[in-house]
Protein backbone atom coordinates (compact mmCIF):
# COMPACT_ATOMS: atom_id res chain seq x y z
CA MET A 1 59.37 0.27 30.40
CA VAL A 2 60.64 0.87 26.86
CA TYR A 3 58.19 1.93 24.17
CA LEU A 4 58.77 1.55 20.46
CA PRO A 5 56.86 4.35 18.73
CA THR A 6 56.25 5.07 15.09
CA THR A 7 56.64 8.81 14.46
CA TYR A 8 55.60 10.56 11.28
CA GLN A 9 54.06 13.70 9.90
CA ILE A 10 50.82 13.69 7.95
CA SER A 11 51.72 14.14 4.33
CA PRO A 12 49.71 16.40 2.02
CA SER A 13 48.48 13.33 0.13
CA SER A 14 46.98 12.02 3.38
CA CYS A 15 45.01 15.22 3.86
CA HIS A 16 42.67 14.80 0.92
CA PHE A 17 39.73 14.43 3.30
CA TYR A 18 40.41 18.01 4.50
CA ALA A 19 42.38 19.48 1.62
CA SER A 20 42.00 23.01 2.96
CA SER A 21 43.68 22.21 6.27
CA SER A 22 47.41 22.86 5.95
CA TYR A 23 47.54 23.03 9.77
CA LEU A 24 46.65 19.37 10.18
CA CYS A 25 49.23 18.30 7.62
CA LEU A 26 51.98 19.81 9.79
CA MET A 27 51.02 17.87 12.91
CA LYS A 28 53.42 15.25 14.21
CA ILE A 29 51.85 11.90 15.09
CA THR A 30 53.54 9.31 17.31
CA ARG A 31 51.85 5.92 17.44
CA PHE A 32 52.34 3.14 19.98
CA LYS A 33 51.00 -0.40 20.19
CA THR A 34 50.90 -0.09 23.99
CA LEU A 35 51.37 2.87 26.28
CA GLU A 36 50.63 3.58 29.92
CA SER A 37 48.84 6.85 29.11
CA THR A 38 48.94 9.12 26.07
CA ASN A 39 48.36 12.16 28.27
CA GLN A 40 51.18 11.22 30.62
CA TYR A 41 53.55 10.58 27.72
CA LEU A 42 53.06 14.13 26.42
CA GLN A 43 53.20 15.53 29.96
CA ASN A 44 56.57 13.85 30.52
CA LEU A 45 57.93 15.47 27.35
CA LEU A 46 56.59 18.87 28.43
CA ASN A 47 58.21 18.43 31.86
CA GLU A 48 61.53 17.85 30.08
CA GLY A 49 61.19 21.20 28.33
CA ILE A 50 60.30 19.76 24.93
CA ASP A 51 57.90 21.73 22.72
CA ILE A 52 54.95 19.39 22.25
CA VAL A 53 52.54 21.80 20.52
CA ASP A 54 50.86 20.20 17.47
CA ASN A 55 51.91 16.72 18.61
CA ILE A 56 49.45 13.83 18.61
CA VAL A 57 50.14 10.60 20.48
CA VAL A 58 47.89 7.62 19.70
CA THR A 59 47.96 4.07 21.03
CA ASP A 60 46.13 0.81 20.44
CA TYR A 61 46.05 0.04 24.16
CA GLN A 62 46.57 1.95 27.42
CA THR A 63 47.70 0.14 30.55
CA SER A 64 46.93 3.09 32.84
CA GLY A 65 44.38 5.20 30.99
CA LYS A 66 43.06 8.04 33.14
CA GLY A 67 39.67 9.62 33.54
CA GLN A 68 38.53 12.49 35.73
CA GLY A 69 39.90 12.35 39.29
CA LYS A 70 40.77 8.77 40.23
CA ASN A 71 38.71 7.24 37.43
CA VAL A 72 40.38 4.94 34.92
CA TRP A 73 39.64 4.41 31.23
CA GLU A 74 39.37 0.78 30.14
CA SER A 75 39.52 -0.22 26.47
CA GLU A 76 39.96 -3.40 24.43
CA ASP A 77 43.23 -3.58 22.49
CA GLY A 78 42.94 -2.01 19.03
CA LYS A 79 39.19 -1.49 19.15
CA ASN A 80 38.88 2.14 20.19
CA LEU A 81 40.41 5.54 19.52
CA LEU A 82 42.83 6.51 22.29
CA PHE A 83 44.91 9.62 21.73
CA SER A 84 46.16 12.92 23.10
CA ILE A 85 46.82 16.17 21.28
CA ALA A 86 48.80 19.20 22.47
CA LEU A 87 47.58 22.66 21.53
CA ASP A 88 48.94 26.15 22.14
CA MET A 89 46.29 27.93 24.24
CA SER A 90 48.47 30.87 25.29
CA PHE A 91 45.90 33.34 23.91
CA LEU A 92 43.43 32.29 26.62
CA LYS A 93 43.37 33.70 30.16
CA ALA A 94 43.84 31.06 32.84
CA GLU A 95 40.55 32.06 34.50
CA ASN A 96 38.75 31.17 31.26
CA GLN A 97 40.20 27.68 30.83
CA PHE A 98 36.72 26.11 30.92
CA ILE A 99 36.32 27.50 27.41
CA LEU A 100 38.69 24.77 26.22
CA THR A 101 36.50 22.13 27.86
CA GLN A 102 33.57 23.51 25.89
CA ILE A 103 35.56 23.56 22.65
CA VAL A 104 36.67 19.93 22.98
CA SER A 105 33.24 18.67 24.04
CA VAL A 106 31.44 20.46 21.22
CA THR A 107 34.05 19.24 18.74
CA MET A 108 33.28 15.65 19.73
CA ILE A 109 29.56 16.26 19.22
CA ASN A 110 30.22 17.85 15.82
CA VAL A 111 32.29 14.86 14.71
CA LEU A 112 30.02 12.15 16.07
CA LYS A 113 26.87 13.67 14.58
CA ASN A 114 28.28 12.73 11.17
CA TYR A 115 28.00 9.08 12.20
CA LEU A 116 25.25 8.97 14.84
CA PRO A 117 21.90 10.76 15.39
CA GLU A 118 22.65 14.19 16.85
CA GLU A 119 19.49 14.24 18.94
CA SER A 120 20.86 11.30 20.96
CA LEU A 121 24.26 12.92 21.61
CA SER A 122 24.92 15.07 24.66
CA ILE A 123 27.64 16.39 26.96
CA LYS A 124 27.46 15.16 30.53
CA TRP A 125 29.03 17.91 32.59
CA PRO A 126 31.82 18.69 32.44
CA ASN A 127 33.03 16.73 29.39
CA ASP A 128 31.77 13.16 29.06
CA ILE A 129 30.09 12.45 25.74
CA TYR A 130 26.85 10.51 26.00
CA PHE A 131 24.63 8.65 23.57
CA ASN A 132 21.23 8.73 25.25
CA ASP A 133 22.11 7.70 28.83
CA LYS A 134 25.31 5.82 28.01
CA LYS A 135 28.92 7.03 27.85
CA ILE A 136 30.56 6.82 24.44
CA ALA A 137 33.60 9.06 25.00
CA GLY A 138 35.67 10.59 27.76
CA ILE A 139 37.90 13.65 27.76
CA LEU A 140 40.77 14.53 30.11
CA ILE A 141 42.44 17.94 29.79
CA LYS A 142 45.67 19.03 31.47
CA ASN A 143 46.36 22.75 31.25
CA GLU A 144 49.70 24.45 31.68
CA ILE A 145 49.32 27.81 33.44
CA LYS A 146 51.82 30.63 32.91
CA GLY A 147 51.02 33.55 35.18
CA MET A 148 47.61 34.89 34.19
CA MET A 149 47.54 33.02 30.89
CA MET A 150 47.37 29.44 29.74
CA GLY A 151 50.24 27.73 27.96
CA THR A 152 50.22 24.29 26.35
CA SER A 153 47.13 22.15 26.87
CA ILE A 154 47.17 18.36 26.61
CA ILE A 155 43.80 16.97 25.54
CA GLY A 156 43.25 13.25 26.02
CA ILE A 157 40.32 11.59 24.27
CA GLY A 158 38.99 8.06 24.54
CA LEU A 159 36.24 7.17 22.08
CA ASN A 160 34.48 3.80 22.16
CA VAL A 161 34.42 2.78 18.53
CA ASN A 162 34.47 -0.93 17.62
CA GLN A 163 34.35 -2.60 21.05
CA THR A 164 31.14 -4.53 21.75
CA SER A 165 31.83 -6.12 25.12
CA PHE A 166 32.77 -4.14 28.24
CA ASP A 167 33.67 -4.95 31.83
CA GLU A 168 30.43 -5.55 33.71
CA ASN A 169 31.66 -3.26 36.49
CA LEU A 170 31.62 -0.26 34.16
CA PRO A 171 28.35 1.61 34.75
CA ASN A 172 27.07 2.56 31.29
CA PRO A 173 29.46 2.18 28.33
CA ILE A 174 28.40 2.09 24.69
CA SER A 175 30.29 2.17 21.39
CA MET A 176 29.68 3.36 17.85
CA LYS A 177 29.52 -0.25 16.68
CA MET A 178 27.01 -1.20 19.38
CA ILE A 179 24.78 1.61 18.15
CA THR A 180 25.10 1.07 14.39
CA GLY A 181 26.33 -2.51 13.96
CA LYS A 182 29.13 -1.17 11.76
CA ASP A 183 32.91 -1.09 12.06
CA PHE A 184 34.61 2.30 11.82
CA ASP A 185 38.05 3.40 10.63
CA LEU A 186 40.02 4.68 13.63
CA ALA A 187 42.46 6.65 11.45
CA GLU A 188 39.62 8.52 9.76
CA LEU A 189 38.09 9.40 13.11
CA LEU A 190 41.46 10.62 14.38
CA THR A 191 41.85 12.86 11.32
CA ASP A 192 38.33 14.22 11.71
CA ILE A 193 38.63 15.04 15.41
CA SER A 194 42.15 16.47 15.15
CA HIS A 195 41.19 18.70 12.26
CA GLN A 196 38.17 20.11 14.02
CA LEU A 197 40.07 20.65 17.28
CA SER A 198 42.81 22.62 15.55
CA ALA A 199 40.32 24.57 13.44
CA ASN A 200 37.96 25.38 16.32
CA SER A 201 40.42 26.10 19.14
CA GLN A 202 39.59 29.82 19.05
CA GLN A 203 35.91 29.59 18.13
CA PRO A 204 33.08 30.47 20.58
CA THR A 205 31.15 27.35 21.57
CA ALA A 206 29.12 28.33 24.66
CA ASN A 207 25.75 28.18 22.88
CA SER A 208 26.41 24.77 21.40
CA TYR A 209 27.73 23.46 24.73
CA ILE A 210 24.61 24.46 26.65
CA LYS A 211 22.38 23.21 23.82
CA HIS A 212 23.89 19.73 24.12
CA LEU A 213 24.28 19.67 27.92
CA TYR A 214 22.93 16.41 29.34
CA ARG A 215 19.79 16.91 31.49
CA TYR A 216 19.79 20.66 30.90
CA GLN A 217 16.58 22.21 32.26
CA GLN A 218 15.25 18.79 33.27
CA TRP A 219 14.36 17.67 36.78
CA ALA A 220 16.53 14.72 37.76
CA SER A 221 18.13 13.04 40.77
CA TYR A 222 21.58 14.08 42.03
CA LYS A 223 23.59 13.17 45.09
CA HIS A 224 24.73 16.35 46.83
CA GLU A 225 26.09 16.82 50.35
CA GLY A 226 25.32 13.22 51.27
CA SER A 227 21.70 13.06 50.13
CA VAL A 228 19.81 12.48 46.88
CA LYS A 229 17.84 15.50 45.68
CA GLU A 230 15.65 16.42 42.74
CA MET A 231 17.33 19.33 41.00
CA MET A 232 17.50 20.97 37.59
CA ILE A 233 20.64 22.04 35.73
CA VAL A 234 20.22 25.71 34.79
CA GLY A 235 23.73 26.54 33.60
CA TYR A 236 27.36 26.90 34.65
CA ASP A 237 29.57 29.78 35.74
CA GLN A 238 32.74 31.29 34.23
CA PHE A 239 34.89 28.69 35.97
CA GLY A 240 32.85 25.76 34.70
CA ARG A 241 31.08 25.03 37.97
CA LEU A 242 27.64 23.50 37.48
CA ILE A 243 24.62 25.54 38.58
CA LEU A 244 21.48 23.66 39.62
CA LYS A 245 18.12 24.73 41.02
CA GLU A 246 16.30 22.94 43.80
CA LYS A 247 12.52 22.59 44.00
CA ASN A 248 12.40 25.63 46.32
CA ASP A 249 14.28 27.69 43.68
CA HIS A 250 17.47 27.69 45.76
CA GLU A 251 20.52 27.62 43.48
CA VAL A 252 23.42 25.24 44.11
CA VAL A 253 26.86 25.76 42.58
CA CYS A 254 28.98 22.61 42.36
CA ASP A 255 32.55 21.91 41.39
CA LEU A 256 33.81 18.55 40.11
CA LYS A 257 33.22 15.72 42.60
CA GLU A 258 30.81 17.82 44.67
CA ILE A 259 27.81 16.33 42.89
CA ALA A 260 26.97 12.93 41.42
CA PHE A 261 24.47 12.12 38.72
CA VAL A 262 22.02 9.43 39.93
């Protein structure tokens, strides 16, 4: 399949919203009408040996948008923000890569709280963004590992913005327009998120992550090892594995796909 992108750099005049951010003005943005996956597009370039750091790829529509594991991301053409950004994370040890998950998740909360009530926003472990009990954004991160350190990270973000009707088979989607009744400028949201990601990529975010963690220190139902149990999220470990407590105070440590929220 042949794609016809529009490639440009953000000019200083376009950075008036964040005049202090020279970093953002140097980012290269490639825009597509349709693309299989923004993450995969950047990954293909990286596989070819191309330096993709500070590149943003955005599309109006994804034909094969990916979520965690085998999940897919569905979005109406031109209604939502679908993009990937590549960042240099070579300062971070590979064993600490969950820090990037925290950074991206907290960045999304910090951006969205400018438009939506913060008390209704949360991070469903590991990195889905929720409004109350509904999913408003998804994040997919692909990390390059070089020995003991990280290399280039590709961060894919799908934010439900102006779509008001979703596939009935999707469990719990919601959009910014469904919440507020307003339309939002996708370009402004892209600028806001990209700026904060680049500015915060080396900032500690653990406290803010746990503060906004969905169901933190609340008894709730989870499916674990084939049965539904009442458990409480009490934290996570260095590797990002979720730590829960059962009613008998027994702690359970779960990796991705080892537990399901009920």
